[in-house]
């Protein structure tokens, strides 16, 4: 009985972790693209050495 409960608990937990990783990846990609787009539109005022 405990094995069934563990599996039933692991599946939603695993799905949550996967969805969080995907969300994090998408946000990071969007933020990186946004920064590049902003830098191109507004010129490189931050300096080439800036982040």
C-alpha atoms as a PDB file:
ATOM      1  CA  UNK A   1       0.000   0.000   0.000  1.00  0.00           C
ATOM      2  CA  UNK A   2       2.852   2.409   0.810  1.00  0.00           C
ATOM      3  CA  UNK A   3       4.422   1.776  -2.614  1.00  0.00           C
ATOM      4  CA  UNK A   4       1.249   2.844  -4.422  1.00  0.00           C
ATOM      5  CA  UNK A   5       1.055   5.967  -2.277  1.00  0.00           C
ATOM      6  CA  UNK A   6       4.708   6.837  -2.987  1.00  0.00           C
ATOM      7  CA  UNK A   7       4.242   6.451  -6.754  1.00  0.00           C
ATOM      8  CA  UNK A   8       1.028   8.472  -6.597  1.00  0.00           C
ATOM      9  CA  UNK A   9       2.947  11.194  -4.793  1.00  0.00           C
ATOM     10  CA  UNK A  10       6.051  11.039  -7.009  1.00  0.00           C
ATOM     11  CA  UNK A  11       4.248  11.497 -10.334  1.00  0.00           C
ATOM     12  CA  UNK A  12       2.673  14.916  -9.526  1.00  0.00           C
ATOM     13  CA  UNK A  13       5.904  16.005  -7.853  1.00  0.00           C
ATOM     14  CA  UNK A  14       7.935  14.991 -10.911  1.00  0.00           C
ATOM     15  CA  UNK A  15       5.480  16.782 -13.223  1.00  0.00           C
ATOM     16  CA  UNK A  16       5.724  19.901 -11.050  1.00  0.00           C
ATOM     17  CA  UNK A  17       9.525  19.877 -11.180  1.00  0.00           C
ATOM     18  CA  UNK A  18       9.506  19.397 -14.964  1.00  0.00           C
ATOM     19  CA  UNK A  19       6.995  22.217 -15.505  1.00  0.00           C
ATOM     20  CA  UNK A  20       9.016  24.519 -13.226  1.00  0.00           C
ATOM     21  CA  UNK A  21      12.198  23.735 -15.172  1.00  0.00           C
ATOM     22  CA  UNK A  22      10.439  24.434 -18.484  1.00  0.00           C
ATOM     23  CA  UNK A  23       8.988  27.671 -17.110  1.00  0.00           C
ATOM     24  CA  UNK A  24      12.419  28.741 -15.815  1.00  0.00           C
ATOM     25  CA  UNK A  25      14.022  27.938 -19.181  1.00  0.00           C
ATOM     26  CA  UNK A  26      11.350  29.865 -21.112  1.00  0.00           C
ATOM     27  CA  UNK A  27      11.615  32.901 -18.799  1.00  0.00           C
ATOM     28  CA  UNK A  28      15.417  32.884 -18.991  1.00  0.00           C
ATOM     29  CA  UNK A  29      15.285  32.648 -22.793  1.00  0.00           C
ATOM     30  CA  UNK A  30      12.735  35.470 -22.973  1.00  0.00           C
ATOM     31  CA  UNK A  31      14.738  37.677 -20.601  1.00  0.00           C
ATOM     32  CA  UNK A  32      17.967  37.070 -22.546  1.00  0.00           C
ATOM     33  CA  UNK A  33      16.222  37.867 -25.836  1.00  0.00           C
ATOM     34  CA  UNK A  34      14.624  40.950 -24.265  1.00  0.00           C
ATOM     35  CA  UNK A  35      17.963  42.263 -23.026  1.00  0.00           C
ATOM     36  CA  UNK A  36      19.558  41.748 -26.449  1.00  0.00           C
ATOM     37  CA  UNK A  37      16.602  43.439 -28.142  1.00  0.00           C
ATOM     38  CA  UNK A  38      16.739  46.366 -25.696  1.00  0.00           C
ATOM     39  CA  UNK A  39      20.493  46.746 -26.192  1.00  0.00           C
ATOM     40  CA  UNK A  40      20.063  46.815 -29.968  1.00  0.00           C
ATOM     41  CA  UNK A  41      17.194  49.324 -29.871  1.00  0.00           C
ATOM     42  CA  UNK A  42      18.781  51.709 -27.380  1.00  0.00           C
ATOM     43  CA  UNK A  43      22.380  51.321 -28.463  1.00  0.00           C
ATOM     44  CA  UNK A  44      25.095  49.785 -26.302  1.00  0.00           C
ATOM     45  CA  UNK A  45      25.040  52.489 -23.621  1.00  0.00           C
ATOM     46  CA  UNK A  46      25.825  49.981 -20.866  1.00  0.00           C
ATOM     47  CA  UNK A  47      29.309  49.494 -22.279  1.00  0.00           C
ATOM     48  CA  UNK A  48      30.694  46.400 -23.951  1.00  0.00           C
ATOM     49  CA  UNK A  49      32.066  45.135 -20.623  1.00  0.00           C
ATOM     50  CA  UNK A  50      28.692  45.369 -18.887  1.00  0.00           C
ATOM     51  CA  UNK A  51      26.453  42.362 -18.210  1.00  0.00           C
END
